[in-house]
């Protein structure tokens, strides 16, 4: 599955057929949420997140790796990186987030796509998310050490950090093994 995200027109074309960003992302989310119990992110939110992280006019296709789906992001034939949507449990509700890496396996950014808890949504804010940028699978990513805790969102801070650490390790291993390229 493949689609283009273009901010110049505000629409996405699936192989030039004129499907909207939301429709293209909805198809990707069907693949991404195929794991039992997985929570999906709104397609428009996913498209906006990918555009924010990788820039406008990107091409996105979905790769199946083991039982997971990974988004491969490119622009004009150049690989920009990979991304994966995952879920972790907050205090009571799932937190749906995106982890994006560049071709050298450095963490490009994370984005909290859906935060369902009544408190602690600060983990979705830029000041907390930006501390992950540039990290690699060799970094510890431990709350209280190299990742700040968010007061009032201790469980969410720990859950998202652990989820990011696992996603980063998986994406790096899959890339090194040639399972994503």
Protein backbone atom coordinates (compact mmCIF):
# COMPACT_ATOMS: atom_id res chain seq x y z
CA UNK A 1 0.00 0.00 0.00
CA UNK A 2 1.37 3.38 -0.94
CA UNK A 3 0.20 7.00 -0.92
CA UNK A 4 1.60 10.49 -1.29
CA UNK A 5 1.16 13.22 1.28
CA UNK A 6 1.32 16.65 -0.26
CA UNK A 7 0.71 19.81 1.72
CA UNK A 8 0.63 21.98 -1.40
CA UNK A 9 -2.83 20.71 -2.28
CA UNK A 10 -3.78 19.45 1.15
CA UNK A 11 -4.68 16.09 -0.39
CA UNK A 12 -3.04 12.77 -0.92
CA UNK A 13 -3.06 10.78 -4.12
CA UNK A 14 -2.94 7.02 -3.92
CA UNK A 15 -0.88 6.19 -7.00
CA UNK A 16 -2.28 9.37 -8.56
CA UNK A 17 -5.94 8.36 -8.11
CA UNK A 18 -6.83 11.34 -5.91
CA UNK A 19 -7.69 9.63 -2.62
CA UNK A 20 -7.70 12.01 0.36
CA UNK A 21 -5.10 11.97 3.13
CA UNK A 22 -7.67 10.61 5.57
CA UNK A 23 -8.67 7.80 3.21
CA UNK A 24 -5.06 6.80 2.54
CA UNK A 25 -4.21 6.84 6.22
CA UNK A 26 -7.36 4.87 7.01
CA UNK A 27 -6.07 2.09 4.78
CA UNK A 28 -2.69 2.16 6.50
CA UNK A 29 -4.36 2.11 9.89
CA UNK A 30 -6.23 -1.03 8.94
CA UNK A 31 -2.85 -2.69 8.47
CA UNK A 32 -1.35 -1.04 11.56
CA UNK A 33 -4.22 -2.05 13.81
CA UNK A 34 -4.44 -5.65 12.61
CA UNK A 35 -2.87 -6.87 15.86
CA UNK A 36 -5.57 -8.01 18.28
CA UNK A 37 -6.57 -5.29 20.73
CA UNK A 38 -4.66 -2.54 18.97
CA UNK A 39 -6.14 0.95 19.11
CA UNK A 40 -6.06 3.04 15.96
CA UNK A 41 -5.29 6.71 15.54
CA UNK A 42 -7.51 8.98 13.45
CA UNK A 43 -6.21 8.84 9.85
CA UNK A 44 -6.00 12.63 9.51
CA UNK A 45 -3.97 12.84 12.74
CA UNK A 46 -1.55 10.17 11.46
CA UNK A 47 -1.12 11.96 8.13
CA UNK A 48 -0.52 15.29 9.88
CA UNK A 49 2.02 13.67 12.21
CA UNK A 50 3.95 12.08 9.34
CA UNK A 51 3.98 15.40 7.50
CA UNK A 52 5.18 17.24 10.63
CA UNK A 53 8.00 14.76 11.23
CA UNK A 54 9.14 14.10 7.65
CA UNK A 55 7.96 17.19 5.76
CA UNK A 56 5.41 17.77 2.99
CA UNK A 57 4.95 15.75 -0.20
CA UNK A 58 6.16 12.49 1.28
CA UNK A 59 5.33 9.07 -0.06
CA UNK A 60 4.29 6.45 2.50
CA UNK A 61 3.95 2.73 2.06
CA UNK A 62 3.31 -0.06 4.55
CA UNK A 63 5.73 -2.94 5.09
CA UNK A 64 4.74 -6.12 6.93
CA UNK A 65 7.42 -7.37 9.33
CA UNK A 66 6.62 -10.49 11.29
CA UNK A 67 3.18 -9.62 12.73
CA UNK A 68 3.81 -5.86 12.67
CA UNK A 69 3.36 -3.07 10.15
CA UNK A 70 5.97 -0.40 9.53
CA UNK A 71 5.53 2.76 7.49
CA UNK A 72 8.35 3.51 5.03
CA UNK A 73 8.56 7.22 4.26
CA UNK A 74 10.33 8.59 1.18
CA UNK A 75 10.36 11.67 -0.98
CA UNK A 76 11.27 11.77 -4.66
CA UNK A 77 12.77 8.27 -4.41
CA UNK A 78 14.91 9.08 -1.37
CA UNK A 79 14.31 7.16 1.84
CA UNK A 80 13.54 9.54 4.72
CA UNK A 81 12.96 6.89 7.37
CA UNK A 82 10.49 4.54 8.98
CA UNK A 83 7.65 4.95 11.45
CA UNK A 84 5.44 2.72 13.49
CA UNK A 85 2.21 3.30 15.40
CA UNK A 86 2.05 1.51 18.74
CA UNK A 87 -0.04 1.46 21.89
CA UNK A 88 0.89 1.30 25.55
CA UNK A 89 -1.37 1.26 28.56
CA UNK A 90 -1.47 4.45 30.58
CA UNK A 91 -3.08 4.40 34.01
CA UNK A 92 -6.38 3.03 32.68
CA UNK A 93 -6.50 3.69 28.93
CA UNK A 94 -4.34 2.95 25.88
CA UNK A 95 -2.02 5.67 24.60
CA UNK A 96 -1.50 5.54 20.82
CA UNK A 97 1.80 6.98 19.61
CA UNK A 98 4.06 7.14 16.56
CA UNK A 99 7.81 6.46 16.65
CA UNK A 100 9.80 7.71 13.65
CA UNK A 101 13.44 6.96 12.82
CA UNK A 102 15.75 8.23 10.11
CA UNK A 103 17.73 5.95 7.74
CA UNK A 104 20.65 5.84 10.23
CA UNK A 105 18.28 4.48 12.93
CA UNK A 106 18.32 7.66 15.03
CA UNK A 107 14.98 8.61 16.54
CA UNK A 108 13.58 11.41 14.43
CA UNK A 109 10.60 12.13 16.67
CA UNK A 110 7.71 10.65 18.57
CA UNK A 111 4.14 11.84 18.47
CA UNK A 112 1.30 10.98 20.81
CA UNK A 113 -1.58 10.44 18.40
CA UNK A 114 -4.35 9.65 20.90
CA UNK A 115 -4.18 10.29 24.65
CA UNK A 116 -7.27 8.89 26.32
CA UNK A 117 -6.58 9.50 30.04
CA UNK A 118 -8.26 12.44 31.81
CA UNK A 119 -4.91 13.69 33.20
CA UNK A 120 -1.28 13.68 32.11
CA UNK A 121 -1.68 14.72 28.49
CA UNK A 122 1.57 16.71 28.82
CA UNK A 123 3.39 13.68 27.39
CA UNK A 124 2.01 14.82 24.03
CA UNK A 125 3.55 18.30 24.36
CA UNK A 126 6.63 19.37 22.41
CA UNK A 127 8.89 20.04 25.43
CA UNK A 128 8.56 16.44 26.63
CA UNK A 129 8.64 14.77 23.18
CA UNK A 130 11.73 16.61 21.97
CA UNK A 131 14.00 14.92 24.52
CA UNK A 132 13.70 11.69 22.48
CA UNK A 133 15.04 13.20 19.24
CA UNK A 134 18.38 11.86 18.10
CA UNK A 135 18.34 8.93 20.53
CA UNK A 136 19.32 5.48 19.28
CA UNK A 137 18.70 1.95 20.45
CA UNK A 138 21.96 2.14 22.43
CA UNK A 139 20.58 4.96 24.59
CA UNK A 140 19.00 3.90 27.88
CA UNK A 141 15.79 5.93 27.65
CA UNK A 142 14.98 5.75 31.35
CA UNK A 143 12.57 8.13 33.06
CA UNK A 144 14.38 10.04 35.79
CA UNK A 145 17.77 9.54 34.11
CA UNK A 146 17.78 10.84 30.53
CA UNK A 147 14.00 11.31 30.15
CA UNK A 148 12.13 13.74 32.41
CA UNK A 149 9.07 12.59 34.29
CA UNK A 150 5.91 14.60 33.83
CA UNK A 151 4.39 15.52 37.19
CA UNK A 152 0.87 14.12 37.31
CA UNK A 153 1.62 11.74 34.44
CA UNK A 154 4.13 9.38 36.02
CA UNK A 155 2.53 6.22 34.64
CA UNK A 156 2.11 7.76 31.18
CA UNK A 157 5.71 9.02 31.19
CA UNK A 158 7.03 5.56 32.04
CA UNK A 159 4.67 3.73 29.67
CA UNK A 160 5.38 5.92 26.63
CA UNK A 161 9.13 5.87 27.32
CA UNK A 162 9.16 2.08 27.54
CA UNK A 163 7.03 1.84 24.39
CA UNK A 164 9.38 4.17 22.51
CA UNK A 165 12.41 2.18 23.69
CA UNK A 166 10.85 -1.09 22.46
CA UNK A 167 9.73 0.38 19.13
CA UNK A 168 13.15 1.94 18.54
CA UNK A 169 14.87 -1.38 19.31
CA UNK A 170 12.52 -3.27 16.97
CA UNK A 171 12.81 -0.78 14.11
CA UNK A 172 16.61 -0.74 14.44
CA UNK A 173 16.84 -4.55 14.52
CA UNK A 174 14.50 -4.94 11.54
CA UNK A 175 16.46 -2.35 9.57
CA UNK A 176 19.82 -3.97 10.42
CA UNK A 177 18.44 -7.38 9.39
CA UNK A 178 17.20 -5.99 6.07
CA UNK A 179 13.54 -6.65 6.94
CA UNK A 180 12.76 -2.97 6.31
CA UNK A 181 14.57 -1.00 3.65
